[in-house]
């Protein structure tokens, strides 16, 4: 049985509610999708157990925490440097998202930094592992977009 078959319309309704507000009560979700709170709790638990719901997280403002720059940095690893970098990148506090990708670059990182001097220091740590390209993020167009049901 395909995992997607576990996500019926009621589960999609629950997922939509949780993606909008992960702190919403089971009673409020139940009112929106037409289930009792215990039925919502049971479905949420099952989706957690199946790994459909991966977790819950607070969203924090980078600027209000003193990080004036947010950037996307790509890295094209030098020969033999990718595996060591994959271990090292997990230790960088600046990196809030990191993806291994296909194409000319190997890595895409979303980073938050105090200022341009912090950016320079951070890039200095990266250049021994490969060529970097940096794009400063000016604003969010879509923030934490929701995963929606794929039409049949």
C-alpha atoms as a PDB file:
ATOM      1  CA  UNK A   1       0.000   0.000   0.000  1.00  0.00           C
ATOM      2  CA  UNK A   2       1.404   3.387  -0.974  1.00  0.00           C
ATOM      3  CA  UNK A   3       2.138   5.843   1.839  1.00  0.00           C
ATOM      4  CA  UNK A   4       0.106   8.529   0.055  1.00  0.00           C
ATOM      5  CA  UNK A   5      -3.013   6.374   0.506  1.00  0.00           C
ATOM      6  CA  UNK A   6      -2.714   7.057   4.266  1.00  0.00           C
ATOM      7  CA  UNK A   7      -3.369  10.717   3.572  1.00  0.00           C
ATOM      8  CA  UNK A   8      -7.097  10.897   2.932  1.00  0.00           C
ATOM      9  CA  UNK A   9      -9.026  14.158   2.669  1.00  0.00           C
ATOM     10  CA  UNK A  10      -9.522  14.357   6.449  1.00  0.00           C
ATOM     11  CA  UNK A  11      -5.798  13.905   7.045  1.00  0.00           C
ATOM     12  CA  UNK A  12      -5.090  16.612   4.459  1.00  0.00           C
ATOM     13  CA  UNK A  13      -7.476  18.889   6.347  1.00  0.00           C
ATOM     14  CA  UNK A  14      -5.590  18.176   9.559  1.00  0.00           C
ATOM     15  CA  UNK A  15      -2.229  18.753   7.845  1.00  0.00           C
ATOM     16  CA  UNK A  16      -3.446  22.075   6.436  1.00  0.00           C
ATOM     17  CA  UNK A  17      -4.515  23.222   9.906  1.00  0.00           C
ATOM     18  CA  UNK A  18      -1.200  22.185  11.466  1.00  0.00           C
ATOM     19  CA  UNK A  19       0.858  23.803   8.715  1.00  0.00           C
ATOM     20  CA  UNK A  20      -0.937  27.105   9.344  1.00  0.00           C
ATOM     21  CA  UNK A  21      -0.598  26.836  13.137  1.00  0.00           C
ATOM     22  CA  UNK A  22       1.223  23.923  14.761  1.00  0.00           C
ATOM     23  CA  UNK A  23      -0.129  24.983  18.176  1.00  0.00           C
ATOM     24  CA  UNK A  24      -3.780  24.691  17.191  1.00  0.00           C
ATOM     25  CA  UNK A  25      -5.814  22.495  19.537  1.00  0.00           C
ATOM     26  CA  UNK A  26      -7.274  19.166  18.461  1.00  0.00           C
ATOM     27  CA  UNK A  27     -10.704  20.609  19.287  1.00  0.00           C
ATOM     28  CA  UNK A  28     -10.169  23.530  16.878  1.00  0.00           C
ATOM     29  CA  UNK A  29      -8.914  21.182  14.166  1.00  0.00           C
ATOM     30  CA  UNK A  30     -11.907  18.914  14.766  1.00  0.00           C
ATOM     31  CA  UNK A  31     -14.306  21.821  14.273  1.00  0.00           C
ATOM     32  CA  UNK A  32     -12.637  22.669  10.964  1.00  0.00           C
ATOM     33  CA  UNK A  33     -12.508  19.124   9.556  1.00  0.00           C
ATOM     34  CA  UNK A  34     -15.595  17.614  11.180  1.00  0.00           C
ATOM     35  CA  UNK A  35     -14.017  15.186  13.672  1.00  0.00           C
ATOM     36  CA  UNK A  36     -13.979  14.832  17.436  1.00  0.00           C
ATOM     37  CA  UNK A  37     -10.812  15.890  19.273  1.00  0.00           C
ATOM     38  CA  UNK A  38      -9.916  12.241  20.124  1.00  0.00           C
ATOM     39  CA  UNK A  39     -10.303  11.267  16.447  1.00  0.00           C
ATOM     40  CA  UNK A  40      -8.018  14.159  15.431  1.00  0.00           C
ATOM     41  CA  UNK A  41      -5.472  13.137  18.092  1.00  0.00           C
ATOM     42  CA  UNK A  42      -5.514   9.547  16.813  1.00  0.00           C
ATOM     43  CA  UNK A  43      -4.954  10.644  13.212  1.00  0.00           C
ATOM     44  CA  UNK A  44      -2.174  13.060  14.207  1.00  0.00           C
ATOM     45  CA  UNK A  45      -0.437  10.315  16.217  1.00  0.00           C
ATOM     46  CA  UNK A  46      -0.681   7.905  13.279  1.00  0.00           C
ATOM     47  CA  UNK A  47       0.765  10.515  10.879  1.00  0.00           C
ATOM     48  CA  UNK A  48       3.596  11.149  13.364  1.00  0.00           C
ATOM     49  CA  UNK A  49       4.289   7.407  13.626  1.00  0.00           C
ATOM     50  CA  UNK A  50       4.347   7.082   9.818  1.00  0.00           C
ATOM     51  CA  UNK A  51       6.747  10.024   9.505  1.00  0.00           C
ATOM     52  CA  UNK A  52       4.272  12.151   7.557  1.00  0.00           C
ATOM     53  CA  UNK A  53       4.421  14.711  10.371  1.00  0.00           C
ATOM     54  CA  UNK A  54       8.140  15.174  10.958  1.00  0.00           C
ATOM     55  CA  UNK A  55       7.952  17.555  13.902  1.00  0.00           C
ATOM     56  CA  UNK A  56       6.912  20.963  15.164  1.00  0.00           C
ATOM     57  CA  UNK A  57       9.105  24.035  15.203  1.00  0.00           C
ATOM     58  CA  UNK A  58       9.049  27.652  16.335  1.00  0.00           C
ATOM     59  CA  UNK A  59       9.870  30.216  13.641  1.00  0.00           C
ATOM     60  CA  UNK A  60      12.372  32.826  14.841  1.00  0.00           C
ATOM     61  CA  UNK A  61      13.079  36.233  13.281  1.00  0.00           C
ATOM     62  CA  UNK A  62      16.713  36.402  12.202  1.00  0.00           C
ATOM     63  CA  UNK A  63      16.765  40.212  12.258  1.00  0.00           C
ATOM     64  CA  UNK A  64      15.265  40.520  15.739  1.00  0.00           C
ATOM     65  CA  UNK A  65      17.896  38.092  17.037  1.00  0.00           C
ATOM     66  CA  UNK A  66      20.763  40.231  15.700  1.00  0.00           C
ATOM     67  CA  UNK A  67      21.406  38.544  12.354  1.00  0.00           C
ATOM     68  CA  UNK A  68      21.196  41.375   9.838  1.00  0.00           C
ATOM     69  CA  UNK A  69      22.083  39.247   6.793  1.00  0.00           C
ATOM     70  CA  UNK A  70      20.412  36.182   5.392  1.00  0.00           C
ATOM     71  CA  UNK A  71      22.045  34.595   2.367  1.00  0.00           C
ATOM     72  CA  UNK A  72      22.032  31.627   0.043  1.00  0.00           C
ATOM     73  CA  UNK A  73      25.527  30.242  -0.488  1.00  0.00           C
ATOM     74  CA  UNK A  74      26.280  27.537  -3.019  1.00  0.00           C
ATOM     75  CA  UNK A  75      29.435  25.471  -2.884  1.00  0.00           C
ATOM     76  CA  UNK A  76      31.096  23.578  -5.708  1.00  0.00           C
ATOM     77  CA  UNK A  77      33.339  21.190  -3.827  1.00  0.00           C
ATOM     78  CA  UNK A  78      36.935  20.548  -4.839  1.00  0.00           C
ATOM     79  CA  UNK A  79      37.852  16.950  -5.708  1.00  0.00           C
ATOM     80  CA  UNK A  80      37.850  14.866  -2.525  1.00  0.00           C
ATOM     81  CA  UNK A  81      36.457  17.680  -0.354  1.00  0.00           C
ATOM     82  CA  UNK A  82      32.719  16.963  -0.505  1.00  0.00           C
ATOM     83  CA  UNK A  83      32.572  14.188   2.125  1.00  0.00           C
ATOM     84  CA  UNK A  84      34.638  16.143   4.689  1.00  0.00           C
ATOM     85  CA  UNK A  85      32.492  19.213   4.040  1.00  0.00           C
ATOM     86  CA  UNK A  86      29.265  17.245   4.588  1.00  0.00           C
ATOM     87  CA  UNK A  87      30.499  16.433   8.099  1.00  0.00           C
ATOM     88  CA  UNK A  88      31.790  19.943   8.793  1.00  0.00           C
ATOM     89  CA  UNK A  89      28.701  21.852   7.629  1.00  0.00           C
ATOM     90  CA  UNK A  90      26.668  20.318  10.467  1.00  0.00           C
ATOM     91  CA  UNK A  91      28.857  22.199  12.966  1.00  0.00           C
ATOM     92  CA  UNK A  92      28.254  25.703  11.548  1.00  0.00           C
ATOM     93  CA  UNK A  93      25.819  27.727  13.678  1.00  0.00           C
ATOM     94  CA  UNK A  94      25.243  30.077  10.743  1.00  0.00           C
ATOM     95  CA  UNK A  95      23.662  27.377   8.556  1.00  0.00           C
ATOM     96  CA  UNK A  96      19.892  27.069   9.050  1.00  0.00           C
ATOM     97  CA  UNK A  97      19.233  24.869   5.992  1.00  0.00           C
ATOM     98  CA  UNK A  98      21.606  22.862   3.848  1.00  0.00           C
ATOM     99  CA  UNK A  99      20.877  20.759   0.786  1.00  0.00           C
ATOM    100  CA  UNK A 100      23.043  18.462  -1.303  1.00  0.00           C
ATOM    101  CA  UNK A 101      22.013  19.105  -4.896  1.00  0.00           C
ATOM    102  CA  UNK A 102      22.586  18.041  -8.467  1.00  0.00           C
ATOM    103  CA  UNK A 103      24.118  20.295 -11.104  1.00  0.00           C
ATOM    104  CA  UNK A 104      27.320  22.320 -11.166  1.00  0.00           C
ATOM    105  CA  UNK A 105      27.241  23.026  -7.439  1.00  0.00           C
ATOM    106  CA  UNK A 106      27.098  20.323  -4.766  1.00  0.00           C
ATOM    107  CA  UNK A 107      25.685  22.226  -1.791  1.00  0.00           C
ATOM    108  CA  UNK A 108      23.140  24.990  -1.179  1.00  0.00           C
ATOM    109  CA  UNK A 109      23.114  26.594   2.261  1.00  0.00           C
ATOM    110  CA  UNK A 110      20.741  29.113   3.770  1.00  0.00           C
ATOM    111  CA  UNK A 111      22.692  31.078   6.355  1.00  0.00           C
ATOM    112  CA  UNK A 112      22.074  33.877   8.843  1.00  0.00           C
ATOM    113  CA  UNK A 113      24.917  36.221   9.717  1.00  0.00           C
ATOM    114  CA  UNK A 114      25.503  39.221  11.955  1.00  0.00           C
ATOM    115  CA  UNK A 115      26.813  41.498   9.171  1.00  0.00           C
ATOM    116  CA  UNK A 116      29.028  41.601   6.075  1.00  0.00           C
ATOM    117  CA  UNK A 117      32.180  41.066   8.161  1.00  0.00           C
ATOM    118  CA  UNK A 118      30.672  37.887   9.580  1.00  0.00           C
ATOM    119  CA  UNK A 119      29.839  36.842   5.997  1.00  0.00           C
ATOM    120  CA  UNK A 120      33.457  37.366   4.962  1.00  0.00           C
ATOM    121  CA  UNK A 121      34.725  35.259   7.885  1.00  0.00           C
ATOM    122  CA  UNK A 122      32.217  32.540   7.095  1.00  0.00           C
ATOM    123  CA  UNK A 123      33.187  32.402   3.412  1.00  0.00           C
ATOM    124  CA  UNK A 124      36.857  32.213   4.458  1.00  0.00           C
ATOM    125  CA  UNK A 125      35.990  28.953   6.268  1.00  0.00           C
ATOM    126  CA  UNK A 126      34.295  27.564   3.158  1.00  0.00           C
ATOM    127  CA  UNK A 127      36.820  28.343   0.420  1.00  0.00           C
ATOM    128  CA  UNK A 128      39.205  25.566   1.424  1.00  0.00           C
ATOM    129  CA  UNK A 129      36.443  23.112   0.462  1.00  0.00           C
ATOM    130  CA  UNK A 130      35.371  24.597  -2.864  1.00  0.00           C
ATOM    131  CA  UNK A 131      34.215  27.551  -4.894  1.00  0.00           C
ATOM    132  CA  UNK A 132      31.383  29.557  -3.380  1.00  0.00           C
ATOM    133  CA  UNK A 133      28.693  31.809  -4.764  1.00  0.00           C
ATOM    134  CA  UNK A 134      26.744  34.055  -2.414  1.00  0.00           C
ATOM    135  CA  UNK A 135      23.351  35.666  -2.876  1.00  0.00           C
ATOM    136  CA  UNK A 136      22.065  38.022  -0.183  1.00  0.00           C
ATOM    137  CA  UNK A 137      18.355  37.521   0.525  1.00  0.00           C
ATOM    138  CA  UNK A 138      16.494  40.823   0.301  1.00  0.00           C
ATOM    139  CA  UNK A 139      13.031  39.623   1.356  1.00  0.00           C
ATOM    140  CA  UNK A 140      10.822  36.559   1.626  1.00  0.00           C
ATOM    141  CA  UNK A 141       8.319  36.119  -1.168  1.00  0.00           C
ATOM    142  CA  UNK A 142       6.998  32.791   0.157  1.00  0.00           C
ATOM    143  CA  UNK A 143       7.835  31.824   3.697  1.00  0.00           C
ATOM    144  CA  UNK A 144       7.385  28.275   4.916  1.00  0.00           C
ATOM    145  CA  UNK A 145       5.046  27.304   2.101  1.00  0.00           C
ATOM    146  CA  UNK A 146       2.568  24.529   2.797  1.00  0.00           C
ATOM    147  CA  UNK A 147       2.653  21.123   1.171  1.00  0.00           C
ATOM    148  CA  UNK A 148      -0.664  20.539  -0.541  1.00  0.00           C
ATOM    149  CA  UNK A 149      -2.458  17.436  -1.805  1.00  0.00           C
ATOM    150  CA  UNK A 150      -1.422  16.411  -5.306  1.00  0.00           C
ATOM    151  CA  UNK A 151      -4.545  16.310  -7.515  1.00  0.00           C
ATOM    152  CA  UNK A 152      -5.545  12.826  -8.643  1.00  0.00           C
END
